[in-house]
């Protein structure tokens, strides 16, 4: 549902799933940078995935703006992937 990031109940469910290592599938795609920031705060694994995409695109020689656009597209496409973000782990010491 739109705005799930601001729901106390949804936040509790997400935390419980993460604590129990239950795969979480995100089906609502971010629509703008405010929604992206809310998503990154509520589900840190999405920020890890986004950052990994940025690194990949920078290594391919893309400029910053194009790399960001492609990373958002990859993040959006990830929502359509059956297993969501379950294989993306937060790296120790990574800033969220």
Protein backbone atom coordinates (compact mmCIF):
# COMPACT_ATOMS: atom_id res chain seq x y z
CA UNK A 1 0.00 0.00 0.00
CA UNK A 2 1.14 3.51 -0.73
CA UNK A 3 2.74 5.09 2.34
CA UNK A 4 3.49 1.82 4.15
CA UNK A 5 6.78 3.37 5.32
CA UNK A 6 4.82 5.64 7.68
CA UNK A 7 2.75 2.81 9.17
CA UNK A 8 3.77 1.64 12.65
CA UNK A 9 2.23 -1.77 11.97
CA UNK A 10 4.04 -2.19 8.66
CA UNK A 11 7.31 -1.07 10.29
CA UNK A 12 6.86 -3.71 13.02
CA UNK A 13 6.12 -6.40 10.45
CA UNK A 14 9.18 -5.44 8.41
CA UNK A 15 11.44 -5.41 11.49
CA UNK A 16 10.14 -8.81 12.60
CA UNK A 17 10.69 -10.29 9.13
CA UNK A 18 14.22 -8.86 8.98
CA UNK A 19 15.04 -10.09 12.51
CA UNK A 20 13.79 -13.58 11.64
CA UNK A 21 15.53 -13.52 8.22
CA UNK A 22 12.22 -13.95 6.45
CA UNK A 23 12.46 -12.87 2.79
CA UNK A 24 10.68 -9.59 2.14
CA UNK A 25 9.31 -8.77 -1.29
CA UNK A 26 8.63 -5.13 -2.09
CA UNK A 27 5.95 -4.55 -4.69
CA UNK A 28 5.48 -0.78 -4.45
CA UNK A 29 8.03 1.01 -6.57
CA UNK A 30 9.42 4.39 -5.49
CA UNK A 31 8.03 7.28 -7.48
CA UNK A 32 10.35 10.14 -6.56
CA UNK A 33 13.43 10.96 -4.47
CA UNK A 34 11.36 11.65 -1.33
CA UNK A 35 9.81 8.19 -1.66
CA UNK A 36 13.29 6.76 -2.29
CA UNK A 37 14.61 8.30 0.92
CA UNK A 38 11.65 6.95 2.87
CA UNK A 39 12.23 3.54 1.32
CA UNK A 40 15.95 3.61 2.15
CA UNK A 41 15.14 4.51 5.77
CA UNK A 42 12.43 1.87 6.17
CA UNK A 43 14.25 -0.90 4.26
CA UNK A 44 18.03 -0.40 4.36
CA UNK A 45 18.70 -3.35 2.06
CA UNK A 46 17.23 -1.30 -0.79
CA UNK A 47 19.89 1.38 -0.21
CA UNK A 48 22.58 -1.30 -0.37
CA UNK A 49 21.19 -2.53 -3.68
CA UNK A 50 21.00 1.04 -5.04
CA UNK A 51 24.59 1.78 -3.96
CA UNK A 52 25.81 -1.48 -5.53
CA UNK A 53 24.15 -0.42 -8.78
CA UNK A 54 25.81 2.99 -8.62
CA UNK A 55 29.24 1.41 -8.14
CA UNK A 56 28.62 -0.94 -11.06
CA UNK A 57 27.56 1.88 -13.38
CA UNK A 58 30.47 4.10 -12.31
CA UNK A 59 32.86 1.25 -13.12
CA UNK A 60 31.24 1.06 -16.55
CA UNK A 61 32.17 4.71 -17.06
CA UNK A 62 28.76 6.35 -16.70
CA UNK A 63 28.65 9.92 -15.48
CA UNK A 64 26.97 10.60 -12.11
CA UNK A 65 23.57 11.67 -13.44
CA UNK A 66 23.23 8.76 -15.84
CA UNK A 67 24.44 6.29 -13.20
CA UNK A 68 21.81 7.58 -10.74
CA UNK A 69 19.05 7.26 -13.34
CA UNK A 70 20.11 3.72 -14.19
CA UNK A 71 20.35 2.79 -10.50
CA UNK A 72 16.78 4.01 -9.94
CA UNK A 73 15.65 1.95 -12.94
CA UNK A 74 17.43 -1.13 -11.56
CA UNK A 75 15.83 -0.53 -8.16
CA UNK A 76 12.41 -0.23 -9.79
CA UNK A 77 12.98 -3.40 -11.80
CA UNK A 78 14.03 -5.20 -8.61
CA UNK A 79 10.49 -4.72 -7.30
CA UNK A 80 9.29 -6.96 -10.11
CA UNK A 81 11.74 -9.73 -9.17
CA UNK A 82 9.96 -12.55 -7.37
CA UNK A 83 12.41 -12.72 -4.46
CA UNK A 84 12.60 -8.97 -3.78
CA UNK A 85 15.78 -7.99 -1.95
CA UNK A 86 16.35 -11.11 0.09
CA UNK A 87 19.81 -11.70 -1.40
CA UNK A 88 21.07 -8.18 -0.75
CA UNK A 89 22.84 -7.87 2.59
CA UNK A 90 23.77 -4.77 4.54
CA UNK A 91 27.52 -4.53 4.74
CA UNK A 92 29.02 -3.97 8.19
CA UNK A 93 29.75 -0.29 8.75
CA UNK A 94 27.71 0.85 5.74
CA UNK A 95 26.05 4.20 6.24
CA UNK A 96 22.30 4.18 5.97
